[in-house]
Each structure stands twice: as structure tokens, then as C-alpha cells.
N, C-alpha and C. Protein backbone atom coordinates (compact mmCIF):
# COMPACT_ATOMS: atom_id res chain seq x y z
N MET A 1 -16.88 101.25 6.59
CA MET A 1 -17.08 100.65 7.83
C MET A 1 -17.57 102.25 8.71
N SER A 2 -18.63 101.69 9.27
CA SER A 2 -19.55 102.29 10.11
C SER A 2 -18.35 103.28 11.90
N PRO A 3 -18.91 104.26 12.44
CA PRO A 3 -17.83 104.68 13.15
C PRO A 3 -17.89 104.21 14.48
N GLN A 4 -18.59 102.83 14.76
CA GLN A 4 -18.29 102.27 15.32
C GLN A 4 -16.96 101.00 15.59
N GLY A 5 -16.81 100.90 13.67
CA GLY A 5 -15.87 100.10 13.71
C GLY A 5 -16.62 98.97 12.85
N ARG A 6 -17.79 98.63 12.83
CA ARG A 6 -18.27 97.54 11.79
C ARG A 6 -18.40 97.71 10.86
N PRO A 7 -18.51 96.82 9.96
CA PRO A 7 -18.95 96.67 8.57
C PRO A 7 -20.32 97.50 8.57
N LYS A 8 -19.93 98.42 7.13
CA LYS A 8 -21.49 99.21 6.52
C LYS A 8 -22.42 98.39 6.92
N GLY A 9 -23.69 98.98 7.03
CA GLY A 9 -24.77 97.67 7.43
C GLY A 9 -24.97 97.03 8.71
N GLU A 10 -23.74 95.94 9.11
CA GLU A 10 -23.85 95.33 10.70
C GLU A 10 -24.05 96.21 11.59
N THR A 11 -25.08 95.51 12.19
CA THR A 11 -26.17 96.28 13.48
C THR A 11 -25.82 95.46 14.42
N ARG A 12 -25.26 94.14 14.48
CA ARG A 12 -24.96 92.92 15.50
C ARG A 12 -24.39 93.65 16.99
N GLY A 13 -25.03 93.65 17.90
CA GLY A 13 -24.48 94.28 19.25
C GLY A 13 -24.82 95.60 19.01
N ALA A 14 -24.93 96.35 17.85
CA ALA A 14 -26.14 97.52 18.34
C ALA A 14 -26.72 98.33 19.22
N GLN A 15 -27.16 99.56 19.61
CA GLN A 15 -27.67 99.58 20.40
C GLN A 15 -28.73 100.99 19.53
N HIS A 16 -29.83 100.85 19.28
CA HIS A 16 -30.73 101.35 18.60
C HIS A 16 -31.69 102.16 19.52
N GLU A 17 -31.97 103.71 18.99
CA GLU A 17 -32.93 104.64 19.04
C GLU A 17 -34.49 104.29 19.52
N GLY A 18 -34.51 103.27 18.50
CA GLY A 18 -36.05 103.46 18.40
C GLY A 18 -36.13 101.86 17.70
N THR A 19 -37.55 101.55 17.32
CA THR A 19 -38.13 100.51 16.49
C THR A 19 -39.03 101.07 16.00
N PRO A 20 -39.78 100.69 14.76
CA PRO A 20 -41.03 100.36 13.90
C PRO A 20 -41.29 98.85 14.11
N VAL A 21 -42.45 98.50 14.63
CA VAL A 21 -42.75 97.03 14.00
C VAL A 21 -44.09 96.85 13.72
N GLY A 22 -44.07 96.36 12.54
CA GLY A 22 -45.52 96.64 12.15
C GLY A 22 -45.86 95.28 11.22
N PHE A 23 -47.56 94.85 12.24
CA PHE A 23 -47.93 93.67 11.24
C PHE A 23 -47.26 92.31 11.65
N TRP A 24 -46.62 92.46 12.77
CA TRP A 24 -45.69 91.17 12.96
C TRP A 24 -46.05 90.40 14.41
N TRP A 25 -46.28 91.31 15.16
CA TRP A 25 -46.50 90.63 16.83
C TRP A 25 -47.95 89.61 16.56
N SER A 26 -48.84 89.79 15.86
CA SER A 26 -50.07 88.81 15.44
C SER A 26 -49.44 87.09 15.31
N HIS A 27 -48.35 87.25 14.27
CA HIS A 27 -47.62 86.16 14.11
C HIS A 27 -47.07 85.22 14.97
N VAL A 28 -46.68 85.75 16.13
CA VAL A 28 -45.53 85.11 16.91
C VAL A 28 -46.46 84.55 18.11
N PRO A 29 -46.14 83.07 18.03
CA PRO A 29 -47.33 82.46 18.96
C PRO A 29 -46.68 82.78 20.15
N GLN A 30 -47.90 83.04 21.01
CA GLN A 30 -47.99 83.47 22.32
C GLN A 30 -47.22 82.74 22.99
N SER A 31 -46.37 81.94 23.46
CA SER A 31 -45.37 81.51 24.01
C SER A 31 -43.91 81.66 23.64
N ARG A 32 -43.72 82.53 22.57
CA ARG A 32 -42.46 82.95 22.02
C ARG A 32 -42.34 83.99 22.15
N LEU A 33 -43.46 85.00 22.61
CA LEU A 33 -43.81 86.20 22.46
C LEU A 33 -42.76 86.82 23.56
N PRO A 34 -43.17 87.11 24.74
CA PRO A 34 -42.19 87.39 25.93
C PRO A 34 -40.73 87.29 25.33
N GLY A 35 -40.04 86.08 24.96
CA GLY A 35 -39.03 85.93 24.46
C GLY A 35 -38.40 86.67 23.44
N TRP A 36 -39.25 87.10 22.43
CA TRP A 36 -38.87 87.59 21.07
C TRP A 36 -38.96 89.04 21.53
N ILE A 37 -39.85 89.91 22.21
CA ILE A 37 -40.26 91.24 22.48
C ILE A 37 -38.78 90.89 23.39
N GLU A 38 -38.53 90.70 24.26
CA GLU A 38 -37.24 90.81 25.13
C GLU A 38 -36.00 90.93 24.26
N GLN A 39 -35.81 90.07 23.48
CA GLN A 39 -34.71 90.33 21.97
C GLN A 39 -34.93 91.54 21.49
N LEU A 40 -35.95 92.01 21.19
CA LEU A 40 -36.18 93.06 20.41
C LEU A 40 -35.85 94.27 21.27
N LEU A 41 -36.31 94.44 22.24
CA LEU A 41 -35.85 95.41 23.16
C LEU A 41 -34.50 95.73 23.66
N ALA A 42 -33.92 94.48 23.76
CA ALA A 42 -32.29 94.46 23.96
C ALA A 42 -31.73 95.07 23.47
N ARG A 43 -32.22 95.24 21.61
CA ARG A 43 -31.47 96.11 21.10
C ARG A 43 -31.55 97.58 21.29
N LEU A 44 -32.46 98.06 22.17
CA LEU A 44 -32.72 99.07 21.55
C LEU A 44 -32.53 100.15 23.43
N GLU A 45 -31.63 101.26 23.14
CA GLU A 45 -30.85 102.09 24.30
C GLU A 45 -32.54 102.50 24.99
N ALA A 46 -31.96 102.81 26.49
CA ALA A 46 -32.76 103.23 27.48
C ALA A 46 -33.12 104.94 26.77
N GLY A 47 -34.43 105.09 26.78
CA GLY A 47 -35.27 106.06 26.36
C GLY A 47 -35.51 105.85 24.95
N ALA A 48 -35.13 104.63 24.34
CA ALA A 48 -35.58 104.53 22.80
C ALA A 48 -36.85 104.55 22.99
N HIS A 49 -37.77 104.67 21.87
CA HIS A 49 -39.13 104.37 21.83
C HIS A 49 -39.45 103.08 20.86
N GLY A 50 -40.14 102.57 21.25
CA GLY A 50 -41.09 101.24 20.33
C GLY A 50 -42.47 101.35 19.94
N VAL A 51 -42.18 101.70 18.80
CA VAL A 51 -44.04 101.57 18.22
C VAL A 51 -44.35 100.30 17.63
N PHE A 52 -45.20 99.69 18.00
CA PHE A 52 -45.76 98.26 17.41
C PHE A 52 -47.33 98.99 16.67
N VAL A 53 -47.41 98.17 15.48
CA VAL A 53 -48.83 98.18 14.73
C VAL A 53 -49.33 96.64 14.71
N ASP A 54 -50.62 96.58 14.88
CA ASP A 54 -50.71 95.09 13.81
C ASP A 54 -52.61 95.46 14.02
N ASN A 55 -53.48 94.04 13.63
CA ASN A 55 -54.26 94.25 12.80
C ASN A 55 -55.18 93.97 14.44
N ALA A 56 -56.27 94.44 14.57
CA ALA A 56 -57.19 94.23 15.59
C ALA A 56 -58.54 93.19 14.58
N TYR A 57 -58.86 92.38 15.59
CA TYR A 57 -60.03 91.55 15.11
C TYR A 57 -61.77 92.00 14.57
N VAL A 58 -61.62 91.98 13.63
CA VAL A 58 -62.68 92.78 13.30
C VAL A 58 -63.76 91.58 12.47
N GLN A 59 -64.60 90.52 13.05
CA GLN A 59 -65.72 90.22 12.60
C GLN A 59 -65.96 89.90 11.23
N ALA A 60 -66.55 91.10 10.20
CA ALA A 60 -66.87 91.45 9.23
C ALA A 60 -65.77 91.45 8.12
N SER A 61 -64.66 91.88 8.99
CA SER A 61 -63.44 91.99 7.76
C SER A 61 -62.36 90.80 7.58
N ASN A 62 -61.88 90.36 9.29
CA ASN A 62 -60.79 89.41 9.07
C ASN A 62 -61.34 87.63 8.57
N LEU A 63 -60.62 86.89 8.05
CA LEU A 63 -60.71 85.60 8.12
C LEU A 63 -61.32 84.95 9.34
N PRO A 64 -62.68 84.18 9.26
CA PRO A 64 -63.05 83.30 10.75
C PRO A 64 -61.67 82.43 11.42
N ILE A 65 -61.57 82.72 12.28
CA ILE A 65 -60.76 81.69 12.94
C ILE A 65 -61.80 80.33 12.81
N THR A 66 -60.45 79.43 12.79
CA THR A 66 -60.63 78.15 12.64
C THR A 66 -60.22 76.92 13.35
N ARG A 67 -58.93 77.46 14.17
CA ARG A 67 -58.70 76.79 15.30
C ARG A 67 -58.27 77.69 16.07
N THR A 68 -58.28 77.36 17.28
CA THR A 68 -57.54 77.94 18.64
C THR A 68 -56.49 76.55 19.36
N TYR A 69 -55.23 76.65 19.63
CA TYR A 69 -54.64 75.52 19.91
C TYR A 69 -53.80 76.16 21.48
N SER A 70 -52.63 75.88 21.96
CA SER A 70 -52.15 75.96 23.24
C SER A 70 -51.88 77.51 23.43
N GLN A 71 -52.57 77.90 24.99
CA GLN A 71 -52.18 79.35 25.34
C GLN A 71 -52.98 80.75 24.22
N ASP A 72 -54.27 80.22 24.07
CA ASP A 72 -55.06 80.57 22.58
C ASP A 72 -54.29 81.70 21.96
N ASN A 73 -53.39 80.84 21.01
CA ASN A 73 -53.09 81.18 19.99
C ASN A 73 -54.36 80.69 18.65
N THR A 74 -54.21 81.75 18.19
CA THR A 74 -55.44 80.99 16.59
C THR A 74 -54.99 81.28 15.44
N CYS A 75 -55.68 80.20 14.58
CA CYS A 75 -55.61 80.27 13.02
C CYS A 75 -56.89 80.27 12.57
N PRO A 76 -56.57 81.32 11.65
CA PRO A 76 -57.80 81.42 10.28
C PRO A 76 -56.65 80.53 9.33
N LEU A 77 -57.94 79.83 8.28
CA LEU A 77 -57.23 79.43 7.17
C LEU A 77 -57.61 80.44 6.04
N ARG A 78 -56.59 80.39 5.34
CA ARG A 78 -56.45 81.34 3.85
C ARG A 78 -56.01 80.32 2.68
N THR A 79 -57.16 80.21 1.58
CA THR A 79 -56.48 79.40 0.51
C THR A 79 -55.92 80.57 -0.42
N LEU A 80 -54.92 80.18 -0.78
CA LEU A 80 -53.81 80.76 -1.71
C LEU A 80 -54.27 80.31 -3.21
N ASP A 81 -53.35 80.63 -3.91
CA ASP A 81 -53.73 81.05 -5.08
C ASP A 81 -53.54 79.55 -6.27
N ASP A 82 -52.55 78.73 -5.31
CA ASP A 82 -52.34 77.23 -5.67
C ASP A 82 -53.03 76.35 -5.29
N GLY A 83 -54.16 76.47 -4.68
CA GLY A 83 -55.18 76.15 -3.71
C GLY A 83 -54.45 75.53 -2.49
N SER A 84 -53.88 75.53 -1.90
CA SER A 84 -53.55 75.37 -0.41
C SER A 84 -54.07 75.99 0.64
N VAL A 85 -53.49 75.09 1.92
CA VAL A 85 -54.46 75.90 2.85
C VAL A 85 -53.32 75.76 4.18
N PRO A 86 -52.50 76.94 4.00
CA PRO A 86 -51.66 77.07 5.30
C PRO A 86 -52.08 77.66 6.24
N GLU A 87 -51.88 76.74 7.45
CA GLU A 87 -52.65 77.31 9.07
C GLU A 87 -51.70 78.40 9.45
N VAL A 88 -51.73 79.70 9.79
CA VAL A 88 -50.67 80.38 10.43
C VAL A 88 -51.15 80.91 11.56
N SER A 89 -50.30 80.95 12.55
CA SER A 89 -51.00 81.81 13.72
C SER A 89 -51.43 82.95 13.52
N LYS A 90 -52.38 83.96 14.01
CA LYS A 90 -52.52 85.03 14.05
C LYS A 90 -53.97 85.45 15.41
N ASN A 91 -52.98 86.31 16.00
CA ASN A 91 -53.86 86.28 17.36
C ASN A 91 -53.90 88.39 17.52
N PHE A 92 -54.87 88.10 18.09
CA PHE A 92 -55.18 89.61 18.03
C PHE A 92 -55.53 89.96 20.22
N PRO A 93 -54.35 90.47 20.22
CA PRO A 93 -53.69 90.57 21.80
C PRO A 93 -55.05 91.99 21.81
N THR A 94 -55.30 91.87 23.32
CA THR A 94 -56.06 92.98 23.62
C THR A 94 -54.76 94.20 24.18
N ARG A 95 -55.40 95.46 24.99
CA ARG A 95 -54.25 96.33 25.19
C ARG A 95 -53.86 95.88 26.63
N GLU A 96 -54.28 95.09 27.57
CA GLU A 96 -53.63 94.45 28.57
C GLU A 96 -52.54 93.41 28.39
N GLN A 97 -53.32 92.37 27.56
CA GLN A 97 -52.13 91.75 26.89
C GLN A 97 -50.67 92.23 26.48
N ALA A 98 -51.28 93.42 25.65
CA ALA A 98 -50.31 93.61 25.00
C ALA A 98 -49.22 94.57 25.70
N PHE A 99 -49.73 95.37 27.00
CA PHE A 99 -49.06 95.86 28.24
C PHE A 99 -48.17 94.98 28.47
N ALA A 100 -48.94 93.84 28.81
CA ALA A 100 -48.00 92.73 29.90
C ALA A 100 -47.10 92.10 28.98
N ALA A 101 -47.32 92.25 28.01
CA ALA A 101 -46.11 91.32 26.89
C ALA A 101 -45.23 92.35 26.87
N ALA A 102 -45.46 93.42 26.82
CA ALA A 102 -44.41 94.94 26.55
C ALA A 102 -43.34 94.84 27.67
N GLY A 103 -43.83 94.39 28.46
CA GLY A 103 -42.72 94.25 29.93
C GLY A 103 -42.30 95.79 30.73
N PRO A 104 -41.66 95.30 31.93
CA PRO A 104 -41.16 96.06 32.76
C PRO A 104 -40.27 97.87 31.91
N ARG A 105 -39.78 97.37 30.85
CA ARG A 105 -38.95 98.29 30.15
C ARG A 105 -39.97 99.30 29.65
N ALA A 106 -41.41 98.93 29.21
CA ALA A 106 -41.89 99.63 28.30
C ALA A 106 -42.49 100.90 29.58
N LEU A 107 -42.40 102.15 29.34
CA LEU A 107 -42.56 103.36 29.90
C LEU A 107 -43.62 103.70 29.16
N ASP A 108 -44.49 104.81 30.13
CA ASP A 108 -45.32 106.09 28.94
C ASP A 108 -45.79 104.82 28.28
N ALA A 109 -46.55 103.95 28.21
CA ALA A 109 -46.98 103.17 27.29
C ALA A 109 -48.69 103.56 26.97
N GLN A 110 -48.78 103.95 25.42
CA GLN A 110 -49.95 104.43 24.87
C GLN A 110 -50.67 103.14 23.90
N TRP A 111 -51.54 103.07 24.20
CA TRP A 111 -52.57 102.17 23.18
C TRP A 111 -53.61 103.03 22.56
N ILE A 112 -53.51 102.85 21.06
CA ILE A 112 -54.41 103.57 20.72
C ILE A 112 -55.14 102.49 19.74
N ALA A 113 -56.46 102.50 19.92
CA ALA A 113 -57.17 101.53 18.79
C ALA A 113 -57.87 101.91 17.96
N PHE A 114 -58.15 101.36 16.76
CA PHE A 114 -58.73 102.05 15.33
C PHE A 114 -59.42 101.22 15.04
N ASP A 115 -60.28 101.26 14.07
CA ASP A 115 -61.11 99.93 13.84
C ASP A 115 -60.73 98.49 13.42
N HIS A 116 -59.58 99.01 12.48
CA HIS A 116 -58.77 97.82 11.98
C HIS A 116 -57.36 97.65 12.61
N CYS A 117 -57.40 98.16 13.21
CA CYS A 117 -55.64 98.00 13.80
C CYS A 117 -55.43 98.90 14.98
N TRP A 118 -54.38 98.42 15.76
CA TRP A 118 -53.79 99.21 17.03
C TRP A 118 -52.59 99.49 16.78
N ILE A 119 -52.62 100.50 17.67
CA ILE A 119 -50.83 100.66 17.84
C ILE A 119 -50.34 100.73 19.26
N LEU A 120 -49.26 100.09 19.50
CA LEU A 120 -48.70 100.44 21.31
C LEU A 120 -47.87 101.21 21.12
N SER A 121 -47.31 102.07 21.79
CA SER A 121 -45.97 103.16 21.57
C SER A 121 -45.37 103.00 23.30
N CYS A 122 -44.20 102.70 23.65
CA CYS A 122 -43.63 102.92 24.57
C CYS A 122 -42.37 104.05 24.60
N ARG A 123 -41.86 104.39 25.84
CA ARG A 123 -40.47 104.97 25.71
C ARG A 123 -39.79 103.62 27.01
N LEU A 124 -38.66 103.67 26.57
CA LEU A 124 -37.88 102.19 27.54
C LEU A 124 -37.08 102.50 28.28
N ALA A 125 -36.85 101.57 29.77
CA ALA A 125 -36.74 102.40 30.78
C ALA A 125 -34.86 101.60 30.42
């Protein structure tokens, strides 16, 4: 049992001091992103740190975007080893879009852009 009386490993309802989120943001459809971030941040206590890392779009490096659908969601096509070609959302937010999506609890937000990825870090109100 944990000190809070939950079975070991159980985190439901727990408040956490921070979270890293790596290469996930870009796969959440734009319409679901605010709710997804809100649910994640609701699990973090005031003063917690959030760190998000994801791919930046690089013309010569990324698969070409083959379709754009509602709310500017984009899809590259990737052929798998079995020959199937699944369509998977892959979005590339700008700094401004990421700050807006992080919402009003994100204080001291910092954006670091690299050639192939970006980092958004913040402290939560």
C-alpha cells in the first residue's frame, strides 16, 4: 500500500509533481487536444512542472503530408512491413498554438525549438 492508502502503483486521483510527455502531442486530433491536456494537467498539483517534447516538421526528413482534414489535422502515409498503409494523425503545432493549447494554468512557459523537435516546459498555477 502507498502512504495514501492506495494499492501500490495505483495513481487514480493522485496529484503529481510533474510529468514528461514525449512524442504524443502530435498524434492527438486538434479537436481533442484541449480536453486531453486539461485531463493531464488536472493530475498535477500547483507548482508542478510539465515538459512536452515532440517532432517538428522538417520538409526533407518527415514523411510528406498527404491529407489535411478538419481543424488542420494532418496525415502522412507510411507503408508498414505488411504492406498496409494506415492513416495516422500527425500534427506539428507552432509555438503560439502550443502555448494556447497548454492553457491558463501554464505559467513561465518556455519553447525551445531544435531542428527536428521542440520542447514546451511550464510550471502550473
